Amino acid sequence: MKTKQDILNAISDIQHPAIAYSLVDLGIVKDIDLKDNKAKVTFAFPFPNIPIAEQLVNSIYGPIFLLGVDFEYSIVEMNEEEKAKFMQMETAGWKH
């Protein structure tokens, strides 16, 4: 049986395609709840209707699937504090 740490280890290096930080560090992967071999991942985006949302979700789905864990997800909007941290990291890590 896989653990939450196994999942974090599998996804911790997955970077945002345009920002030189991982999705975990950026706060996009907000939470992982693992129960009965099903990972429920909560994604937090700074704004609604992010054009690459599906791409970001799929980049996390693949490694979790390879662990043999079922995948489910939800999307929420970042709160103001999370959004401020994201924007600061985005500015610092933007890939030119």
C-alpha atoms as a PDB file:
ATOM      1  CA  MET A   1       0.000   0.000   0.000  1.00  0.00           C
ATOM      2  CA  LYS A   2       1.403   3.354  -1.027  1.00  0.00           C
ATOM      3  CA  THR A   3       1.644   6.275   1.387  1.00  0.00           C
ATOM      4  CA  LYS A   4       1.076  10.001   0.979  1.00  0.00           C
ATOM      5  CA  GLN A   5       4.867  10.403   1.150  1.00  0.00           C
ATOM      6  CA  ASP A   6       5.252   7.975  -1.787  1.00  0.00           C
ATOM      7  CA  ILE A   7       2.938  10.190  -3.800  1.00  0.00           C
ATOM      8  CA  LEU A   8       4.740  13.367  -2.770  1.00  0.00           C
ATOM      9  CA  ASN A   9       8.061  11.786  -3.725  1.00  0.00           C
ATOM     10  CA  ALA A  10       6.646  10.872  -7.151  1.00  0.00           C
ATOM     11  CA  ILE A  11       5.287  14.352  -7.922  1.00  0.00           C
ATOM     12  CA  SER A  12       7.557  16.734  -5.997  1.00  0.00           C
ATOM     13  CA  ASP A  13       9.835  17.455  -8.980  1.00  0.00           C
ATOM     14  CA  ILE A  14       7.084  18.118 -11.534  1.00  0.00           C
ATOM     15  CA  GLN A  15       7.562  21.698 -12.651  1.00  0.00           C
ATOM     16  CA  HIS A  16       5.121  24.202 -13.996  1.00  0.00           C
ATOM     17  CA  PRO A  17       5.764  24.489 -17.766  1.00  0.00           C
ATOM     18  CA  ALA A  18       6.386  28.257 -17.615  1.00  0.00           C
ATOM     19  CA  ILE A  19       7.690  28.730 -14.052  1.00  0.00           C
ATOM     20  CA  ALA A  20      10.890  27.205 -12.678  1.00  0.00           C
ATOM     21  CA  TYR A  21       9.224  25.795  -9.566  1.00  0.00           C
ATOM     22  CA  SER A  22       7.389  22.579  -8.854  1.00  0.00           C
ATOM     23  CA  LEU A  23       3.606  22.462  -8.684  1.00  0.00           C
ATOM     24  CA  VAL A  24       3.947  21.478  -5.025  1.00  0.00           C
ATOM     25  CA  ASP A  25       6.210  24.461  -4.218  1.00  0.00           C
ATOM     26  CA  LEU A  26       3.905  26.844  -6.080  1.00  0.00           C
ATOM     27  CA  GLY A  27       0.957  25.663  -4.005  1.00  0.00           C
ATOM     28  CA  ILE A  28      -0.902  24.383  -7.063  1.00  0.00           C
ATOM     29  CA  VAL A  29      -0.953  20.924  -5.487  1.00  0.00           C
ATOM     30  CA  LYS A  30      -2.681  22.069  -2.321  1.00  0.00           C
ATOM     31  CA  ASP A  31      -3.553  18.781  -0.656  1.00  0.00           C
ATOM     32  CA  ILE A  32      -3.389  15.035  -1.109  1.00  0.00           C
ATOM     33  CA  ASP A  33      -5.776  12.766   0.740  1.00  0.00           C
ATOM     34  CA  LEU A  34      -4.956   9.077   0.399  1.00  0.00           C
ATOM     35  CA  LYS A  35      -7.547   6.533   1.427  1.00  0.00           C
ATOM     36  CA  ASP A  36      -8.213   2.992   0.193  1.00  0.00           C
ATOM     37  CA  ASN A  37      -5.526   3.300  -2.510  1.00  0.00           C
ATOM     38  CA  LYS A  38      -7.205   6.406  -3.950  1.00  0.00           C
ATOM     39  CA  ALA A  39      -5.372   9.732  -4.026  1.00  0.00           C
ATOM     40  CA  LYS A  40      -7.691  12.715  -3.909  1.00  0.00           C
ATOM     41  CA  VAL A  41      -5.609  15.676  -5.027  1.00  0.00           C
ATOM     42  CA  THR A  42      -6.785  19.230  -4.502  1.00  0.00           C
ATOM     43  CA  PHE A  43      -5.405  21.656  -7.066  1.00  0.00           C
ATOM     44  CA  ALA A  44      -5.428  25.369  -6.229  1.00  0.00           C
ATOM     45  CA  PHE A  45      -5.173  27.845  -9.080  1.00  0.00           C
ATOM     46  CA  PRO A  46      -4.694  31.592  -8.679  1.00  0.00           C
ATOM     47  CA  PHE A  47      -7.583  32.374 -11.026  1.00  0.00           C
ATOM     48  CA  PRO A  48     -10.581  30.493 -12.427  1.00  0.00           C
ATOM     49  CA  ASN A  49     -10.417  28.985 -15.911  1.00  0.00           C
ATOM     50  CA  ILE A  50      -6.633  28.576 -16.131  1.00  0.00           C
ATOM     51  CA  PRO A  51      -5.958  27.610 -19.784  1.00  0.00           C
ATOM     52  CA  ILE A  52      -3.398  24.934 -18.852  1.00  0.00           C
ATOM     53  CA  ALA A  53      -5.357  23.438 -15.937  1.00  0.00           C
ATOM     54  CA  GLU A  54      -5.867  20.113 -17.719  1.00  0.00           C
ATOM     55  CA  GLN A  55      -2.167  19.932 -18.609  1.00  0.00           C
ATOM     56  CA  LEU A  56      -1.184  20.550 -14.971  1.00  0.00           C
ATOM     57  CA  VAL A  57      -3.640  17.945 -13.660  1.00  0.00           C
ATOM     58  CA  ASN A  58      -2.408  15.384 -16.196  1.00  0.00           C
ATOM     59  CA  SER A  59       1.219  16.021 -15.244  1.00  0.00           C
ATOM     60  CA  ILE A  60       0.370  14.884 -11.699  1.00  0.00           C
ATOM     61  CA  TYR A  61      -1.979  12.072 -12.754  1.00  0.00           C
ATOM     62  CA  GLY A  62       0.712  10.164 -14.688  1.00  0.00           C
ATOM     63  CA  PRO A  63       3.158   9.537 -11.828  1.00  0.00           C
ATOM     64  CA  ILE A  64       0.326   8.682  -9.427  1.00  0.00           C
ATOM     65  CA  PHE A  65      -1.133   6.216 -11.947  1.00  0.00           C
ATOM     66  CA  LEU A  66       2.313   4.592 -12.309  1.00  0.00           C
ATOM     67  CA  LEU A  67       2.342   4.001  -8.539  1.00  0.00           C
ATOM     68  CA  GLY A  68      -0.811   1.909  -8.959  1.00  0.00           C
ATOM     69  CA  VAL A  69      -2.942   4.410  -7.058  1.00  0.00           C
ATOM     70  CA  ASP A  70      -6.364   5.565  -8.224  1.00  0.00           C
ATOM     71  CA  PHE A  71      -6.614   9.292  -8.921  1.00  0.00           C
ATOM     72  CA  GLU A  72      -9.359  11.768  -8.223  1.00  0.00           C
ATOM     73  CA  TYR A  73      -9.080  15.534  -8.105  1.00  0.00           C
ATOM     74  CA  SER A  74     -10.836  18.756  -7.349  1.00  0.00           C
ATOM     75  CA  ILE A  75     -10.000  22.346  -8.221  1.00  0.00           C
ATOM     76  CA  VAL A  76     -10.269  25.325  -5.913  1.00  0.00           C
ATOM     77  CA  GLU A  77      -9.191  28.941  -6.218  1.00  0.00           C
ATOM     78  CA  MET A  78      -6.246  30.112  -4.125  1.00  0.00           C
ATOM     79  CA  ASN A  79      -6.978  32.437  -1.227  1.00  0.00           C
ATOM     80  CA  GLU A  80      -5.360  35.879  -1.248  1.00  0.00           C
ATOM     81  CA  GLU A  81      -2.299  34.769   0.761  1.00  0.00           C
ATOM     82  CA  GLU A  82      -1.700  31.734  -1.461  1.00  0.00           C
ATOM     83  CA  LYS A  83      -2.205  33.874  -4.562  1.00  0.00           C
ATOM     84  CA  ALA A  84       0.324  36.476  -3.358  1.00  0.00           C
ATOM     85  CA  LYS A  85       2.927  33.756  -2.727  1.00  0.00           C
ATOM     86  CA  PHE A  86       2.236  32.219  -6.151  1.00  0.00           C
ATOM     87  CA  MET A  87       2.559  35.572  -7.939  1.00  0.00           C
ATOM     88  CA  GLN A  88       5.857  36.299  -6.176  1.00  0.00           C
ATOM     89  CA  MET A  89       7.237  32.879  -7.149  1.00  0.00           C
ATOM     90  CA  GLU A  90       5.914  33.264 -10.696  1.00  0.00           C
ATOM     91  CA  THR A  91       7.782  36.564 -11.085  1.00  0.00           C
ATOM     92  CA  ALA A  92      10.995  35.093  -9.657  1.00  0.00           C
ATOM     93  CA  GLY A  93      10.839  31.826 -11.596  1.00  0.00           C
ATOM     94  CA  TRP A  94       9.377  32.807 -14.957  1.00  0.00           C
ATOM     95  CA  LYS A  95      11.138  30.908 -17.757  1.00  0.00           C
ATOM     96  CA  HIS A  96      12.077  33.458 -20.408  1.00  0.00           C
END
